[in-house]
């Protein structure tokens, strides 16, 4: 890897990625943030496998939406916001699934009463 790139700050790396589409800059940021983001998301969800998926989705969103990052904010704030939003969406989905499961259980119990 280019030594010059590894010496850049997060904000300099995202700028390099935005301006020149330098994949090495993206890869360096992914390597810097994947473990801390996994720990952060784990605190939301408590499931290592889902955390890995959420962090992967975060990195995909980062790649696709790199140009939405604006330099007035720290890069870490931006990427943690993406990961946090995805984790909250997962929590909402889980809650909805749990409510649906509860509803189905109640319906099944009602049907059993009439058999």
C-alpha atoms as a PDB file:
ATOM      1  CA  UNK A   1       0.000   0.000   0.000  1.00  0.00           C
ATOM      2  CA  UNK A   2       1.107   3.527  -0.685  1.00  0.00           C
ATOM      3  CA  UNK A   3       2.822   4.790   2.483  1.00  0.00           C
ATOM      4  CA  UNK A   4       1.662   8.306   1.714  1.00  0.00           C
ATOM      5  CA  UNK A   5      -1.998   7.237   1.860  1.00  0.00           C
ATOM      6  CA  UNK A   6      -1.635   5.392   5.156  1.00  0.00           C
ATOM      7  CA  UNK A   7      -0.279   8.579   6.723  1.00  0.00           C
ATOM      8  CA  UNK A   8      -3.348  10.638   5.782  1.00  0.00           C
ATOM      9  CA  UNK A   9      -6.085  11.553   8.236  1.00  0.00           C
ATOM     10  CA  UNK A  10      -9.574  10.125   7.807  1.00  0.00           C
ATOM     11  CA  UNK A  11     -10.763  13.396   6.328  1.00  0.00           C
ATOM     12  CA  UNK A  12      -7.865  13.499   3.873  1.00  0.00           C
ATOM     13  CA  UNK A  13      -8.566   9.912   2.825  1.00  0.00           C
ATOM     14  CA  UNK A  14     -12.259  10.505   2.143  1.00  0.00           C
ATOM     15  CA  UNK A  15     -11.334  13.592   0.128  1.00  0.00           C
ATOM     16  CA  UNK A  16      -8.871  11.511  -1.887  1.00  0.00           C
ATOM     17  CA  UNK A  17     -11.568   8.895  -2.449  1.00  0.00           C
ATOM     18  CA  UNK A  18     -14.132  11.526  -3.446  1.00  0.00           C
ATOM     19  CA  UNK A  19     -11.817  13.486  -5.749  1.00  0.00           C
ATOM     20  CA  UNK A  20      -9.875  10.671  -7.406  1.00  0.00           C
ATOM     21  CA  UNK A  21     -11.900   7.529  -6.656  1.00  0.00           C
ATOM     22  CA  UNK A  22      -8.765   6.051  -5.064  1.00  0.00           C
ATOM     23  CA  UNK A  23      -9.837   2.587  -3.936  1.00  0.00           C
ATOM     24  CA  UNK A  24      -6.816   2.311  -1.615  1.00  0.00           C
ATOM     25  CA  UNK A  25      -8.112   5.308   0.347  1.00  0.00           C
ATOM     26  CA  UNK A  26     -11.478   3.554   0.723  1.00  0.00           C
ATOM     27  CA  UNK A  27      -9.793   0.317   1.820  1.00  0.00           C
ATOM     28  CA  UNK A  28      -7.696   2.126   4.435  1.00  0.00           C
ATOM     29  CA  UNK A  29     -10.827   3.744   5.894  1.00  0.00           C
ATOM     30  CA  UNK A  30     -12.658   0.404   5.912  1.00  0.00           C
ATOM     31  CA  UNK A  31      -9.756  -1.203   7.761  1.00  0.00           C
ATOM     32  CA  UNK A  32      -9.599   1.669  10.266  1.00  0.00           C
ATOM     33  CA  UNK A  33     -13.298   1.605  11.058  1.00  0.00           C
ATOM     34  CA  UNK A  34     -14.584  -1.954  10.661  1.00  0.00           C
ATOM     35  CA  UNK A  35     -13.653  -3.174  14.165  1.00  0.00           C
ATOM     36  CA  UNK A  36     -14.694  -0.013  16.070  1.00  0.00           C
ATOM     37  CA  UNK A  37     -17.982   0.061  14.129  1.00  0.00           C
ATOM     38  CA  UNK A  38     -18.592  -3.612  14.879  1.00  0.00           C
ATOM     39  CA  UNK A  39     -18.175  -2.905  18.602  1.00  0.00           C
ATOM     40  CA  UNK A  40     -20.460   0.126  18.352  1.00  0.00           C
ATOM     41  CA  UNK A  41     -23.198  -1.770  16.521  1.00  0.00           C
ATOM     42  CA  UNK A  42     -22.854  -4.745  18.871  1.00  0.00           C
ATOM     43  CA  UNK A  43     -23.885  -2.483  21.746  1.00  0.00           C
ATOM     44  CA  UNK A  44     -27.167  -1.859  19.898  1.00  0.00           C
ATOM     45  CA  UNK A  45     -27.917  -5.390  18.783  1.00  0.00           C
ATOM     46  CA  UNK A  46     -25.932  -7.892  20.834  1.00  0.00           C
ATOM     47  CA  UNK A  47     -25.561 -10.251  17.850  1.00  0.00           C
ATOM     48  CA  UNK A  48     -22.120 -10.605  16.259  1.00  0.00           C
ATOM     49  CA  UNK A  49     -23.391 -11.984  12.931  1.00  0.00           C
ATOM     50  CA  UNK A  50     -25.926  -9.210  12.425  1.00  0.00           C
ATOM     51  CA  UNK A  51     -23.301  -6.649  13.502  1.00  0.00           C
ATOM     52  CA  UNK A  52     -21.017  -7.925  10.762  1.00  0.00           C
ATOM     53  CA  UNK A  53     -23.847  -7.528   8.231  1.00  0.00           C
ATOM     54  CA  UNK A  54     -24.650  -4.011   9.453  1.00  0.00           C
ATOM     55  CA  UNK A  55     -20.998  -2.940   9.233  1.00  0.00           C
ATOM     56  CA  UNK A  56     -20.764  -4.416   5.743  1.00  0.00           C
ATOM     57  CA  UNK A  57     -23.904  -2.496   4.752  1.00  0.00           C
ATOM     58  CA  UNK A  58     -22.352   0.627   6.286  1.00  0.00           C
ATOM     59  CA  UNK A  59     -19.258   0.228   4.135  1.00  0.00           C
ATOM     60  CA  UNK A  60     -21.381  -0.305   1.019  1.00  0.00           C
ATOM     61  CA  UNK A  61     -23.379   2.839   1.767  1.00  0.00           C
ATOM     62  CA  UNK A  62     -20.131   4.707   2.394  1.00  0.00           C
ATOM     63  CA  UNK A  63     -18.831   3.558  -1.000  1.00  0.00           C
ATOM     64  CA  UNK A  64     -22.022   4.389  -2.896  1.00  0.00           C
ATOM     65  CA  UNK A  65     -22.728   7.692  -1.138  1.00  0.00           C
ATOM     66  CA  UNK A  66     -19.154   8.927  -0.660  1.00  0.00           C
ATOM     67  CA  UNK A  67     -20.010  12.268  -2.239  1.00  0.00           C
ATOM     68  CA  UNK A  68     -22.646  13.021   0.395  1.00  0.00           C
ATOM     69  CA  UNK A  69     -19.902  13.392   3.016  1.00  0.00           C
ATOM     70  CA  UNK A  70     -19.157  17.090   3.605  1.00  0.00           C
ATOM     71  CA  UNK A  71     -15.848  18.171   5.071  1.00  0.00           C
ATOM     72  CA  UNK A  72     -17.359  20.386   7.791  1.00  0.00           C
ATOM     73  CA  UNK A  73     -18.003  17.235   9.848  1.00  0.00           C
ATOM     74  CA  UNK A  74     -15.511  14.627  10.990  1.00  0.00           C
ATOM     75  CA  UNK A  75     -15.537  11.510   8.851  1.00  0.00           C
ATOM     76  CA  UNK A  76     -15.939   9.348  11.953  1.00  0.00           C
ATOM     77  CA  UNK A  77     -19.146  11.188  12.885  1.00  0.00           C
ATOM     78  CA  UNK A  78     -20.532  10.598   9.397  1.00  0.00           C
ATOM     79  CA  UNK A  79     -19.739   6.875   9.245  1.00  0.00           C
ATOM     80  CA  UNK A  80     -20.900   6.234  12.818  1.00  0.00           C
ATOM     81  CA  UNK A  81     -24.179   7.972  11.950  1.00  0.00           C
ATOM     82  CA  UNK A  82     -24.669   5.624   9.000  1.00  0.00           C
ATOM     83  CA  UNK A  83     -23.940   2.566  11.161  1.00  0.00           C
ATOM     84  CA  UNK A  84     -26.171   3.819  13.992  1.00  0.00           C
ATOM     85  CA  UNK A  85     -29.071   4.443  11.609  1.00  0.00           C
ATOM     86  CA  UNK A  86     -28.743   0.964  10.122  1.00  0.00           C
ATOM     87  CA  UNK A  87     -28.602  -0.557  13.623  1.00  0.00           C
ATOM     88  CA  UNK A  88     -31.721   1.367  14.687  1.00  0.00           C
ATOM     89  CA  UNK A  89     -33.510   0.187  11.552  1.00  0.00           C
ATOM     90  CA  UNK A  90     -32.604  -3.385  12.482  1.00  0.00           C
ATOM     91  CA  UNK A  91     -34.010  -2.850  15.986  1.00  0.00           C
ATOM     92  CA  UNK A  92     -37.254  -1.508  14.491  1.00  0.00           C
ATOM     93  CA  UNK A  93     -37.450  -4.519  12.176  1.00  0.00           C
ATOM     94  CA  UNK A  94     -36.934  -6.867  15.115  1.00  0.00           C
ATOM     95  CA  UNK A  95     -39.650  -5.108  17.097  1.00  0.00           C
ATOM     96  CA  UNK A  96     -42.035  -5.341  14.162  1.00  0.00           C
ATOM     97  CA  UNK A  97     -41.208  -9.044  13.728  1.00  0.00           C
ATOM     98  CA  UNK A  98     -41.780  -9.658  17.436  1.00  0.00           C
ATOM     99  CA  UNK A  99     -45.138  -7.872  17.310  1.00  0.00           C
ATOM    100  CA  UNK A 100     -46.158  -9.920  14.260  1.00  0.00           C
ATOM    101  CA  UNK A 101     -45.098 -13.149  15.990  1.00  0.00           C
ATOM    102  CA  UNK A 102     -47.138 -12.178  19.049  1.00  0.00           C
ATOM    103  CA  UNK A 103     -50.170 -11.407  16.871  1.00  0.00           C
ATOM    104  CA  UNK A 104     -49.861 -14.745  15.014  1.00  0.00           C
ATOM    105  CA  UNK A 105     -49.573 -16.577  18.326  1.00  0.00           C
ATOM    106  CA  UNK A 106     -52.752 -14.908  19.588  1.00  0.00           C
ATOM    107  CA  UNK A 107     -54.600 -15.775  16.371  1.00  0.00           C
ATOM    108  CA  UNK A 108     -53.477 -19.391  16.591  1.00  0.00           C
ATOM    109  CA  UNK A 109     -54.582 -19.608  20.238  1.00  0.00           C
ATOM    110  CA  UNK A 110     -57.985 -18.185  19.301  1.00  0.00           C
ATOM    111  CA  UNK A 111     -58.368 -20.720  16.495  1.00  0.00           C
ATOM    112  CA  UNK A 112     -57.441 -23.537  18.889  1.00  0.00           C
ATOM    113  CA  UNK A 113     -60.252 -22.437  21.264  1.00  0.00           C
ATOM    114  CA  UNK A 114     -62.845 -23.013  18.537  1.00  0.00           C
ATOM    115  CA  UNK A 115     -61.661 -26.485  17.511  1.00  0.00           C
END
